[in-house]
PDB file of N, CA and C in Angstrom:
ATOM      1  N   SER A   1      26.225-173.507-111.833  1.00  0.00           N
ATOM      2  CA  SER A   1      26.252-172.566-112.938  1.00  0.00           C
ATOM      3  C   SER A   1      24.847-172.417-113.513  1.00  0.00           C
ATOM      4  N   VAL A   2      24.637-171.408-114.293  1.00  0.00           N
ATOM      5  CA  VAL A   2      23.330-171.142-114.882  1.00  0.00           C
ATOM      6  C   VAL A   2      22.917-172.270-115.818  1.00  0.00           C
ATOM      7  N   ASP A   3      23.862-172.913-116.462  1.00  0.00           N
ATOM      8  CA  ASP A   3      23.548-173.993-117.396  1.00  0.00           C
ATOM      9  C   ASP A   3      22.917-175.190-116.710  1.00  0.00           C
ATOM     10  N   ASP A   4      23.067-175.328-115.402  1.00  0.00           N
ATOM     11  CA  ASP A   4      22.568-176.486-114.679  1.00  0.00           C
ATOM     12  C   ASP A   4      21.199-176.264-114.043  1.00  0.00           C
ATOM     13  N   LEU A   5      20.601-175.100-114.213  1.00  0.00           N
ATOM     14  CA  LEU A   5      19.309-174.809-113.603  1.00  0.00           C
ATOM     15  C   LEU A   5      18.190-175.521-114.348  1.00  0.00           C
ATOM     16  N   ARG A   6      17.269-176.102-113.573  1.00  0.00           N
ATOM     17  CA  ARG A   6      16.105-176.755-114.162  1.00  0.00           C
ATOM     18  C   ARG A   6      14.876-176.348-113.378  1.00  0.00           C
ATOM     19  N   LEU A   7      13.794-176.148-114.083  1.00  0.00           N
ATOM     20  CA  LEU A   7      12.543-175.752-113.467  1.00  0.00           C
ATOM     21  C   LEU A   7      11.429-176.580-114.088  1.00  0.00           C
ATOM     22  N   GLN A   8      10.679-177.262-113.248  1.00  0.00           N
ATOM     23  CA  GLN A   8       9.548-178.058-113.715  1.00  0.00           C
ATOM     24  C   GLN A   8       8.405-177.111-114.070  1.00  0.00           C
ATOM     25  N   ALA A   9       7.910-177.182-115.290  1.00  0.00           N
ATOM     26  CA  ALA A   9       6.799-176.333-115.727  1.00  0.00           C
ATOM     27  C   ALA A   9       5.836-177.173-116.554  1.00  0.00           C
ATOM     28  N   THR A  10       4.569-176.786-116.519  1.00  0.00           N
ATOM     29  CA  THR A  10       3.549-177.472-117.304  1.00  0.00           C
ATOM     30  C   THR A  10       2.807-176.455-118.156  1.00  0.00           C
ATOM     31  N   ALA A  11       2.147-176.951-119.190  1.00  0.00           N
ATOM     32  CA  ALA A  11       1.355-176.077-120.055  1.00  0.00           C
ATOM     33  C   ALA A  11       0.237-175.445-119.242  1.00  0.00           C
ATOM     34  N   ARG A  12      -0.088-174.210-119.578  1.00  0.00           N
ATOM     35  CA  ARG A  12      -1.113-173.469-118.837  1.00  0.00           C
ATOM     36  C   ARG A  12      -2.282-173.171-119.759  1.00  0.00           C
ATOM     37  N   ASN A  13      -3.497-173.502-119.275  1.00  0.00           N
ATOM     38  CA  ASN A  13      -4.709-173.218-120.032  1.00  0.00           C
ATOM     39  C   ASN A  13      -5.430-171.983-119.507  1.00  0.00           C
ATOM     40  N   VAL A  14      -5.112-171.567-118.286  1.00  0.00           N
ATOM     41  CA  VAL A  14      -5.738-170.394-117.672  1.00  0.00           C
ATOM     42  C   VAL A  14      -5.017-169.152-118.187  1.00  0.00           C
ATOM     43  N   LEU A  15      -5.767-168.239-118.789  1.00  0.00           N
ATOM     44  CA  LEU A  15      -5.159-167.053-119.391  1.00  0.00           C
ATOM     45  C   LEU A  15      -5.810-165.780-118.865  1.00  0.00           C
ATOM     46  N   GLY A  16      -5.156-164.659-119.082  1.00  0.00           N
ATOM     47  CA  GLY A  16      -5.715-163.359-118.725  1.00  0.00           C
ATOM     48  C   GLY A  16      -5.808-163.131-117.231  1.00  0.00           C
ATOM     49  N   LYS A  17      -6.862-162.445-116.822  1.00  0.00           N
ATOM     50  CA  LYS A  17      -7.038-162.090-115.413  1.00  0.00           C
ATOM     51  C   LYS A  17      -7.305-163.301-114.529  1.00  0.00           C
ATOM     52  N   LYS A  18      -7.646-164.430-115.121  1.00  0.00           N
ATOM     53  CA  LYS A  18      -7.907-165.645-114.345  1.00  0.00           C
ATOM     54  C   LYS A  18      -6.631-166.210-113.716  1.00  0.00           C
ATOM     55  N   THR A  19      -5.464-165.724-114.137  1.00  0.00           N
ATOM     56  CA  THR A  19      -4.206-166.204-113.563  1.00  0.00           C
ATOM     57  C   THR A  19      -4.071-165.826-112.094  1.00  0.00           C
ATOM     58  N   ARG A  20      -4.843-164.860-111.641  1.00  0.00           N
ATOM     59  CA  ARG A  20      -4.841-164.478-110.222  1.00  0.00           C
ATOM     60  C   ARG A  20      -5.206-165.688-109.352  1.00  0.00           C
ATOM     61  N   PHE A  21      -6.117-166.509-109.838  1.00  0.00           N
ATOM     62  CA  PHE A  21      -6.518-167.729-109.138  1.00  0.00           C
ATOM     63  C   PHE A  21      -5.327-168.675-108.977  1.00  0.00           C
ATOM     64  N   LEU A  22      -4.493-168.789-110.014  1.00  0.00           N
ATOM     65  CA  LEU A  22      -3.305-169.645-109.942  1.00  0.00           C
ATOM     66  C   LEU A  22      -2.342-169.148-108.873  1.00  0.00           C
ATOM     67  N   ARG A  23      -2.113-167.840-108.839  1.00  0.00           N
ATOM     68  CA  ARG A  23      -1.182-167.263-107.862  1.00  0.00           C
ATOM     69  C   ARG A  23      -1.631-167.549-106.439  1.00  0.00           C
ATOM     70  N   ARG A  24      -2.919-167.503-106.197  1.00  0.00           N
ATOM     71  CA  ARG A  24      -3.445-167.802-104.857  1.00  0.00           C
ATOM     72  C   ARG A  24      -3.203-169.253-104.466  1.00  0.00           C
ATOM     73  N   GLN A  25      -3.045-170.123-105.443  1.00  0.00           N
ATOM     74  CA  GLN A  25      -2.777-171.536-105.188  1.00  0.00           C
ATOM     75  C   GLN A  25      -1.282-171.845-105.154  1.00  0.00           C
ATOM     76  N   GLY A  26      -0.433-170.831-105.224  1.00  0.00           N
ATOM     77  CA  GLY A  26       1.010-171.044-105.175  1.00  0.00           C
ATOM     78  C   GLY A  26       1.615-171.424-106.513  1.00  0.00           C
ATOM     79  N   ILE A  27       0.949-171.035-107.585  1.00  0.00           N
ATOM     80  CA  ILE A  27       1.430-171.339-108.932  1.00  0.00           C
ATOM     81  C   ILE A  27       1.754-170.025-109.636  1.00  0.00           C
ATOM     82  N   THR A  28       2.924-169.963-110.266  1.00  0.00           N
ATOM     83  CA  THR A  28       3.336-168.766-110.987  1.00  0.00           C
ATOM     84  C   THR A  28       3.103-168.961-112.479  1.00  0.00           C
ATOM     85  N   PRO A  29       2.303-168.097-113.100  1.00  0.00           N
ATOM     86  CA  PRO A  29       2.136-168.171-114.549  1.00  0.00           C
ATOM     87  C   PRO A  29       3.403-167.673-115.243  1.00  0.00           C
ATOM     88  N   ALA A  30       3.740-168.282-116.367  1.00  0.00           N
ATOM     89  CA  ALA A  30       4.954-167.907-117.093  1.00  0.00           C
ATOM     90  C   ALA A  30       4.684-167.940-118.593  1.00  0.00           C
ATOM     91  N   HIS A  31       5.579-167.312-119.322  1.00  0.00           N
ATOM     92  CA  HIS A  31       5.469-167.273-120.778  1.00  0.00           C
ATOM     93  C   HIS A  31       6.863-167.488-121.348  1.00  0.00           C
ATOM     94  N   LEU A  32       7.023-168.469-122.222  1.00  0.00           N
ATOM     95  CA  LEU A  32       8.313-168.761-122.839  1.00  0.00           C
ATOM     96  C   LEU A  32       8.271-168.318-124.294  1.00  0.00           C
ATOM     97  N   TYR A  33       9.223-167.488-124.666  1.00  0.00           N
ATOM     98  CA  TYR A  33       9.309-167.048-126.053  1.00  0.00           C
ATOM     99  C   TYR A  33      10.757-166.735-126.377  1.00  0.00           C
ATOM    100  N   GLY A  34      11.057-166.740-127.641  1.00  0.00           N
ATOM    101  CA  GLY A  34      12.409-166.430-128.071  1.00  0.00           C
ATOM    102  C   GLY A  34      12.547-166.603-129.573  1.00  0.00           C
ATOM    103  N   HIS A  35      13.728-166.336-130.071  1.00  0.00           N
ATOM    104  CA  HIS A  35      14.009-166.446-131.496  1.00  0.00           C
ATOM    105  C   HIS A  35      13.887-167.901-131.935  1.00  0.00           C
ATOM    106  N   ASP A  36      13.109-168.154-132.961  1.00  0.00           N
ATOM    107  CA  ASP A  36      12.885-169.503-133.509  1.00  0.00           C
ATOM    108  C   ASP A  36      12.263-170.467-132.506  1.00  0.00           C
ATOM    109  N   ILE A  37      11.535-169.950-131.504  1.00  0.00           N
ATOM    110  CA  ILE A  37      10.842-170.786-130.522  1.00  0.00           C
ATOM    111  C   ILE A  37       9.366-170.417-130.556  1.00  0.00           C
ATOM    112  N   LYS A  38       8.508-171.420-130.654  1.00  0.00           N
ATOM    113  CA  LYS A  38       7.073-171.156-130.600  1.00  0.00           C
ATOM    114  C   LYS A  38       6.717-170.692-129.191  1.00  0.00           C
ATOM    115  N   SER A  39       5.951-169.629-129.087  1.00  0.00           N
ATOM    116  CA  SER A  39       5.561-169.058-127.803  1.00  0.00           C
ATOM    117  C   SER A  39       4.694-170.048-127.021  1.00  0.00           C
ATOM    118  N   LEU A  40       4.998-170.220-125.723  1.00  0.00           N
ATOM    119  CA  LEU A  40       4.259-171.151-124.867  1.00  0.00           C
ATOM    120  C   LEU A  40       3.797-170.456-123.596  1.00  0.00           C
ATOM    121  N   THR A  41       2.570-170.759-123.163  1.00  0.00           N
ATOM    122  CA  THR A  41       2.106-170.304-121.852  1.00  0.00           C
ATOM    123  C   THR A  41       2.307-171.461-120.886  1.00  0.00           C
ATOM    124  N   LEU A  42       2.974-171.180-119.771  1.00  0.00           N
ATOM    125  CA  LEU A  42       3.358-172.211-118.814  1.00  0.00           C
ATOM    126  C   LEU A  42       2.957-171.814-117.408  1.00  0.00           C
ATOM    127  N   GLN A  43       3.067-172.770-116.498  1.00  0.00           N
ATOM    128  CA  GLN A  43       2.898-172.491-115.075  1.00  0.00           C
ATOM    129  C   GLN A  43       3.898-173.340-114.314  1.00  0.00           C
ATOM    130  N   CYS A  44       4.359-172.816-113.175  1.00  0.00           N
ATOM    131  CA  CYS A  44       5.310-173.546-112.351  1.00  0.00           C
ATOM    132  C   CYS A  44       5.032-173.254-110.878  1.00  0.00           C
ATOM    133  N   ASP A  45       5.526-174.124-110.032  1.00  0.00           N
ATOM    134  CA  ASP A  45       5.344-173.982-108.593  1.00  0.00           C
ATOM    135  C   ASP A  45       6.137-172.776-108.094  1.00  0.00           C
ATOM    136  N   THR A  46       5.475-171.883-107.382  1.00  0.00           N
ATOM    137  CA  THR A  46       6.112-170.654-106.906  1.00  0.00           C
ATOM    138  C   THR A  46       7.266-170.944-105.958  1.00  0.00           C
ATOM    139  N   THR A  47       7.109-171.908-105.070  1.00  0.00           N
ATOM    140  CA  THR A  47       8.169-172.256-104.122  1.00  0.00           C
ATOM    141  C   THR A  47       9.414-172.732-104.853  1.00  0.00           C
ATOM    142  N   GLU A  48       9.239-173.576-105.862  1.00  0.00           N
ATOM    143  CA  GLU A  48      10.369-174.077-106.639  1.00  0.00           C
ATOM    144  C   GLU A  48      11.039-172.938-107.409  1.00  0.00           C
ATOM    145  N   LEU A  49      10.254-172.024-107.938  1.00  0.00           N
ATOM    146  CA  LEU A  49      10.796-170.892-108.686  1.00  0.00           C
ATOM    147  C   LEU A  49      11.628-169.982-107.789  1.00  0.00           C
ATOM    148  N   ARG A  50      11.186-169.758-106.578  1.00  0.00           N
ATOM    149  CA  ARG A  50      11.921-168.891-105.643  1.00  0.00           C
ATOM    150  C   ARG A  50      13.271-169.477-105.254  1.00  0.00           C
ATOM    151  N   GLN A  51      13.439-170.790-105.317  1.00  0.00           N
ATOM    152  CA  GLN A  51      14.707-171.429-104.974  1.00  0.00           C
ATOM    153  C   GLN A  51      15.773-171.133-106.019  1.00  0.00           C
ATOM    154  N   ILE A  52      15.359-170.790-107.199  1.00  0.00           N
ATOM    155  CA  ILE A  52      16.300-170.452-108.276  1.00  0.00           C
ATOM    156  C   ILE A  52      16.664-169.020-108.104  1.00  0.00           C
TER     157      ILE A  52
END
């Protein structure tokens, strides 16, 4: 079920157009935001993300 999905992500310091470098290394840049949640810039492994 959707409630059981987990994705390993880490904080991301690379911002803007420099994220292209991350993608070449197999890392997907991400952004987490929502109601009553502080906005976070994250990165996760592209291969792991595609499995979801």
